[in-house]
Amino acid sequence: MQSLSRDFSDSEYIRQMFNEMAEEYDDIRDLWYEFLFRSLDEIIVENFRSHVSGRVVLDAGCGTGKQSITFAQLGADVVGFDIADQLVRVARRQLAGHELLIADATQIPFDDG
């Protein structure tokens, strides 16, 4: 009998899965997604509003840029990366002027510090 579980440590599987939903990702109307993204925006605004203007914010796993947009609206210079190149393509349309890269979070493309 074949196992129904999937190895989510498989970077290629993760990339493909998110690339397949890139154009619809921001339109997901699942209650969990709505709660999650609304909560993240509230946390960012409440806790970082007075701390990020003029600073660089690194968004690891930036996806389509939802949280990157919130940080940019607060005045941050956003650098984001995601393993799914199609998600990054969508994010680039929404975040002109910010650096968005395709990279795996297990191999962060920046030096320490």
N, C-alpha and C. Protein backbone atom coordinates (compact mmCIF):
# COMPACT_ATOMS: atom_id res chain seq x y z
N MET A 1 0.83 -1.18 0.00
CA MET A 1 0.00 0.00 0.00
C MET A 1 0.88 1.25 0.00
N GLN A 2 0.59 2.17 -0.87
CA GLN A 2 1.38 3.39 -0.99
C GLN A 2 1.00 4.38 0.10
N SER A 3 1.99 5.01 0.68
CA SER A 3 1.76 6.00 1.74
C SER A 3 1.16 7.27 1.15
N LEU A 4 0.20 7.84 1.86
CA LEU A 4 -0.41 9.10 1.43
C LEU A 4 0.35 10.31 1.93
N SER A 5 1.30 10.08 2.82
CA SER A 5 2.06 11.21 3.35
C SER A 5 3.06 11.69 2.31
N ARG A 6 3.47 12.93 2.45
CA ARG A 6 4.41 13.54 1.51
C ARG A 6 5.58 14.09 2.29
N ASP A 7 6.76 13.98 1.77
CA ASP A 7 7.97 14.50 2.41
C ASP A 7 8.07 16.00 2.15
N PHE A 8 7.63 16.81 3.10
CA PHE A 8 7.64 18.25 2.92
C PHE A 8 9.04 18.85 3.10
N SER A 9 10.04 18.01 3.32
CA SER A 9 11.40 18.50 3.33
C SER A 9 11.99 18.47 1.92
N ASP A 10 11.23 17.96 0.96
CA ASP A 10 11.64 17.88 -0.44
C ASP A 10 11.44 19.26 -1.09
N SER A 11 12.52 20.00 -1.24
CA SER A 11 12.45 21.38 -1.75
C SER A 11 11.80 21.46 -3.13
N GLU A 12 12.08 20.50 -3.98
CA GLU A 12 11.50 20.53 -5.33
C GLU A 12 9.98 20.35 -5.28
N TYR A 13 9.51 19.47 -4.42
CA TYR A 13 8.07 19.28 -4.26
C TYR A 13 7.41 20.58 -3.77
N ILE A 14 8.00 21.22 -2.78
CA ILE A 14 7.46 22.48 -2.24
C ILE A 14 7.43 23.54 -3.33
N ARG A 15 8.52 23.67 -4.08
CA ARG A 15 8.57 24.66 -5.16
C ARG A 15 7.45 24.41 -6.17
N GLN A 16 7.30 23.19 -6.62
CA GLN A 16 6.27 22.87 -7.60
C GLN A 16 4.87 23.12 -7.05
N MET A 17 4.62 22.72 -5.83
CA MET A 17 3.30 22.88 -5.23
C MET A 17 2.90 24.35 -5.18
N PHE A 18 3.80 25.22 -4.73
CA PHE A 18 3.46 26.64 -4.65
C PHE A 18 3.45 27.32 -6.01
N ASN A 19 4.31 26.89 -6.92
CA ASN A 19 4.29 27.46 -8.27
C ASN A 19 2.95 27.20 -8.95
N GLU A 20 2.38 26.03 -8.72
CA GLU A 20 1.10 25.69 -9.35
C GLU A 20 -0.03 26.60 -8.90
N MET A 21 0.06 27.17 -7.72
CA MET A 21 -1.02 28.03 -7.23
C MET A 21 -0.64 29.51 -7.18
N ALA A 22 0.44 29.89 -7.85
CA ALA A 22 0.96 31.25 -7.74
C ALA A 22 -0.05 32.33 -8.11
N GLU A 23 -0.75 32.17 -9.21
CA GLU A 23 -1.68 33.21 -9.67
C GLU A 23 -2.92 33.29 -8.80
N GLU A 24 -3.31 32.21 -8.15
CA GLU A 24 -4.51 32.20 -7.31
C GLU A 24 -4.20 32.35 -5.82
N TYR A 25 -2.93 32.32 -5.45
CA TYR A 25 -2.56 32.27 -4.03
C TYR A 25 -3.16 33.42 -3.22
N ASP A 26 -3.11 34.61 -3.74
CA ASP A 26 -3.65 35.76 -3.00
C ASP A 26 -5.17 35.79 -2.95
N ASP A 27 -5.81 34.93 -3.74
CA ASP A 27 -7.27 34.89 -3.78
C ASP A 27 -7.86 33.73 -3.00
N ILE A 28 -7.03 32.97 -2.30
CA ILE A 28 -7.54 31.85 -1.50
C ILE A 28 -8.47 32.41 -0.44
N ARG A 29 -9.67 31.87 -0.37
CA ARG A 29 -10.68 32.38 0.56
C ARG A 29 -10.96 31.42 1.72
N ASP A 30 -10.02 30.59 2.02
CA ASP A 30 -10.12 29.69 3.16
C ASP A 30 -10.07 30.53 4.44
N LEU A 31 -10.90 30.21 5.41
CA LEU A 31 -10.94 31.01 6.66
C LEU A 31 -9.58 31.04 7.36
N TRP A 32 -8.83 29.95 7.29
CA TRP A 32 -7.52 29.91 7.94
C TRP A 32 -6.59 30.95 7.32
N TYR A 33 -6.55 31.02 5.98
CA TYR A 33 -5.68 31.98 5.31
C TYR A 33 -6.08 33.41 5.65
N GLU A 34 -7.37 33.69 5.62
CA GLU A 34 -7.84 35.04 5.95
C GLU A 34 -7.43 35.42 7.37
N PHE A 35 -7.63 34.51 8.32
CA PHE A 35 -7.25 34.76 9.71
C PHE A 35 -5.73 34.94 9.83
N LEU A 36 -4.99 34.03 9.21
CA LEU A 36 -3.53 34.08 9.30
C LEU A 36 -2.97 35.39 8.76
N PHE A 37 -3.36 35.76 7.54
CA PHE A 37 -2.80 36.96 6.93
C PHE A 37 -3.26 38.24 7.63
N ARG A 38 -4.50 38.28 8.08
CA ARG A 38 -4.98 39.44 8.84
C ARG A 38 -4.20 39.55 10.16
N SER A 39 -3.98 38.42 10.82
CA SER A 39 -3.24 38.41 12.08
C SER A 39 -1.80 38.84 11.87
N LEU A 40 -1.15 38.33 10.83
CA LEU A 40 0.23 38.73 10.55
C LEU A 40 0.34 40.22 10.27
N ASP A 41 -0.58 40.77 9.48
CA ASP A 41 -0.57 42.21 9.21
C ASP A 41 -0.72 43.01 10.50
N GLU A 42 -1.64 42.59 11.35
CA GLU A 42 -1.84 43.29 12.63
C GLU A 42 -0.58 43.23 13.49
N ILE A 43 0.04 42.08 13.56
CA ILE A 43 1.27 41.92 14.36
C ILE A 43 2.37 42.82 13.81
N ILE A 44 2.54 42.84 12.49
CA ILE A 44 3.58 43.67 11.88
C ILE A 44 3.33 45.14 12.18
N VAL A 45 2.12 45.61 11.95
CA VAL A 45 1.81 47.02 12.14
C VAL A 45 1.94 47.41 13.61
N GLU A 46 1.38 46.60 14.51
CA GLU A 46 1.41 46.94 15.93
C GLU A 46 2.82 46.90 16.52
N ASN A 47 3.64 45.98 16.07
CA ASN A 47 4.95 45.78 16.70
C ASN A 47 6.13 46.40 15.97
N PHE A 48 5.96 46.73 14.70
CA PHE A 48 7.11 47.21 13.93
C PHE A 48 6.90 48.60 13.33
N ARG A 49 5.72 49.15 13.45
CA ARG A 49 5.40 50.44 12.82
C ARG A 49 6.46 51.50 13.06
N SER A 50 6.92 51.64 14.26
CA SER A 50 7.87 52.72 14.57
C SER A 50 9.34 52.27 14.47
N HIS A 51 9.58 51.04 14.01
CA HIS A 51 10.95 50.53 14.01
C HIS A 51 11.55 50.23 12.64
N VAL A 52 10.73 50.20 11.59
CA VAL A 52 11.25 49.71 10.31
C VAL A 52 11.49 50.77 9.25
N SER A 53 10.96 51.95 9.44
CA SER A 53 11.13 52.98 8.42
C SER A 53 12.61 53.25 8.16
N GLY A 54 13.00 53.12 6.89
CA GLY A 54 14.39 53.35 6.52
C GLY A 54 15.33 52.19 6.79
N ARG A 55 14.82 51.10 7.29
CA ARG A 55 15.65 49.92 7.58
C ARG A 55 15.37 48.83 6.56
N VAL A 56 16.28 47.88 6.48
CA VAL A 56 16.11 46.73 5.59
C VAL A 56 15.41 45.62 6.37
N VAL A 57 14.38 45.05 5.76
CA VAL A 57 13.65 43.93 6.35
C VAL A 57 13.83 42.73 5.42
N LEU A 58 14.24 41.60 5.96
CA LEU A 58 14.39 40.37 5.19
C LEU A 58 13.15 39.52 5.37
N ASP A 59 12.47 39.21 4.27
CA ASP A 59 11.28 38.37 4.30
C ASP A 59 11.65 37.02 3.69
N ALA A 60 11.97 36.06 4.56
CA ALA A 60 12.31 34.71 4.12
C ALA A 60 11.03 33.94 3.86
N GLY A 61 10.91 33.40 2.66
CA GLY A 61 9.66 32.74 2.27
C GLY A 61 8.60 33.77 1.95
N CYS A 62 8.97 34.78 1.18
CA CYS A 62 8.11 35.93 0.93
C CYS A 62 6.86 35.61 0.12
N GLY A 63 6.84 34.48 -0.57
CA GLY A 63 5.66 34.13 -1.36
C GLY A 63 5.31 35.23 -2.34
N THR A 64 4.05 35.62 -2.36
CA THR A 64 3.58 36.67 -3.27
C THR A 64 3.80 38.06 -2.70
N GLY A 65 4.41 38.15 -1.53
CA GLY A 65 4.79 39.44 -0.98
C GLY A 65 3.80 40.08 -0.03
N LYS A 66 2.84 39.34 0.49
CA LYS A 66 1.82 39.95 1.36
C LYS A 66 2.44 40.70 2.54
N GLN A 67 3.31 40.06 3.30
CA GLN A 67 3.91 40.73 4.44
C GLN A 67 4.97 41.73 3.99
N SER A 68 5.63 41.45 2.88
CA SER A 68 6.60 42.40 2.33
C SER A 68 5.93 43.73 2.02
N ILE A 69 4.73 43.66 1.45
CA ILE A 69 3.97 44.88 1.13
C ILE A 69 3.69 45.67 2.40
N THR A 70 3.27 44.98 3.45
CA THR A 70 2.99 45.66 4.72
C THR A 70 4.24 46.35 5.24
N PHE A 71 5.38 45.68 5.23
CA PHE A 71 6.63 46.30 5.67
C PHE A 71 7.00 47.48 4.78
N ALA A 72 6.83 47.34 3.48
CA ALA A 72 7.14 48.44 2.55
C ALA A 72 6.24 49.65 2.82
N GLN A 73 4.98 49.42 3.12
CA GLN A 73 4.06 50.51 3.43
C GLN A 73 4.46 51.24 4.71
N LEU A 74 5.18 50.54 5.58
CA LEU A 74 5.67 51.16 6.82
C LEU A 74 7.01 51.85 6.60
N GLY A 75 7.51 51.83 5.36
CA GLY A 75 8.74 52.55 5.04
C GLY A 75 10.00 51.72 5.00
N ALA A 76 9.88 50.41 5.09
CA ALA A 76 11.06 49.54 5.07
C ALA A 76 11.52 49.30 3.64
N ASP A 77 12.80 49.03 3.51
CA ASP A 77 13.37 48.56 2.25
C ASP A 77 13.35 47.04 2.35
N VAL A 78 12.51 46.38 1.56
CA VAL A 78 12.29 44.95 1.69
C VAL A 78 13.21 44.16 0.76
N VAL A 79 13.82 43.13 1.33
CA VAL A 79 14.54 42.12 0.58
C VAL A 79 13.84 40.81 0.90
N GLY A 80 13.29 40.18 -0.12
CA GLY A 80 12.56 38.95 0.11
C GLY A 80 13.07 37.84 -0.77
N PHE A 81 12.84 36.60 -0.33
CA PHE A 81 13.17 35.47 -1.18
C PHE A 81 12.22 34.33 -0.92
N ASP A 82 12.04 33.52 -1.93
CA ASP A 82 11.16 32.36 -1.84
C ASP A 82 11.68 31.30 -2.79
N ILE A 83 11.41 30.05 -2.50
CA ILE A 83 11.85 28.94 -3.34
C ILE A 83 11.01 28.85 -4.61
N ALA A 84 9.78 29.34 -4.57
CA ALA A 84 8.86 29.22 -5.71
C ALA A 84 9.00 30.43 -6.62
N ASP A 85 9.63 30.23 -7.77
CA ASP A 85 9.90 31.33 -8.69
C ASP A 85 8.63 32.01 -9.19
N GLN A 86 7.54 31.27 -9.31
CA GLN A 86 6.29 31.89 -9.78
C GLN A 86 5.68 32.79 -8.70
N LEU A 87 5.83 32.43 -7.44
CA LEU A 87 5.37 33.32 -6.36
C LEU A 87 6.20 34.60 -6.37
N VAL A 88 7.49 34.47 -6.56
CA VAL A 88 8.37 35.65 -6.61
C VAL A 88 7.99 36.54 -7.80
N ARG A 89 7.62 35.93 -8.91
CA ARG A 89 7.19 36.71 -10.08
C ARG A 89 5.96 37.56 -9.72
N VAL A 90 5.00 36.98 -9.02
CA VAL A 90 3.82 37.73 -8.58
C VAL A 90 4.23 38.84 -7.61
N ALA A 91 5.11 38.52 -6.68
CA ALA A 91 5.56 39.52 -5.71
C ALA A 91 6.25 40.70 -6.39
N ARG A 92 7.04 40.42 -7.40
CA ARG A 92 7.75 41.49 -8.11
C ARG A 92 6.79 42.47 -8.77
N ARG A 93 5.64 41.99 -9.23
CA ARG A 93 4.64 42.88 -9.82
C ARG A 93 4.09 43.86 -8.79
N GLN A 94 4.07 43.44 -7.53
CA GLN A 94 3.48 44.25 -6.47
C GLN A 94 4.50 45.06 -5.69
N LEU A 95 5.77 44.75 -5.83
CA LEU A 95 6.80 45.37 -5.01
C LEU A 95 7.95 45.92 -5.85
N ALA A 96 7.64 46.71 -6.84
CA ALA A 96 8.68 47.33 -7.66
C ALA A 96 9.60 48.14 -6.75
N GLY A 97 10.88 48.07 -7.02
CA GLY A 97 11.84 48.84 -6.24
C GLY A 97 12.39 48.10 -5.03
N HIS A 98 11.92 46.89 -4.81
CA HIS A 98 12.43 46.08 -3.70
C HIS A 98 13.10 44.85 -4.29
N GLU A 99 14.08 44.31 -3.57
CA GLU A 99 14.85 43.17 -4.06
C GLU A 99 14.16 41.87 -3.69
N LEU A 100 13.75 41.10 -4.69
CA LEU A 100 13.09 39.82 -4.47
C LEU A 100 13.83 38.74 -5.26
N LEU A 101 14.25 37.72 -4.55
CA LEU A 101 15.11 36.69 -5.11
C LEU A 101 14.47 35.31 -5.04
N ILE A 102 14.95 34.42 -5.87
CA ILE A 102 14.54 33.02 -5.82
C ILE A 102 15.63 32.27 -5.08
N ALA A 103 15.27 31.71 -3.92
CA ALA A 103 16.25 31.00 -3.10
C ALA A 103 15.53 30.09 -2.12
N ASP A 104 16.24 29.09 -1.68
CA ASP A 104 15.75 28.11 -0.71
C ASP A 104 16.12 28.59 0.69
N ALA A 105 15.17 28.59 1.61
CA ALA A 105 15.43 29.07 2.97
C ALA A 105 16.44 28.17 3.71
N THR A 106 16.67 26.97 3.21
CA THR A 106 17.68 26.12 3.84
C THR A 106 19.08 26.52 3.40
N GLN A 107 19.16 27.41 2.41
CA GLN A 107 20.45 27.90 1.94
C GLN A 107 20.32 29.40 1.70
N ILE A 108 20.14 30.16 2.77
CA ILE A 108 19.90 31.59 2.70
C ILE A 108 21.05 32.26 1.94
N PRO A 109 20.70 33.07 0.93
CA PRO A 109 21.73 33.63 0.04
C PRO A 109 22.40 34.91 0.56
N PHE A 110 22.59 35.00 1.86
CA PHE A 110 23.21 36.18 2.46
C PHE A 110 24.22 35.76 3.52
N ASP A 111 25.22 36.59 3.73
CA ASP A 111 26.18 36.33 4.80
C ASP A 111 25.52 36.59 6.15
N ASP A 112 26.03 35.99 7.19
CA ASP A 112 25.54 36.23 8.53
C ASP A 112 25.69 37.71 8.86
N GLY A 113 24.78 38.21 9.69
CA GLY A 113 24.87 39.59 10.13
C GLY A 113 24.06 40.51 9.29
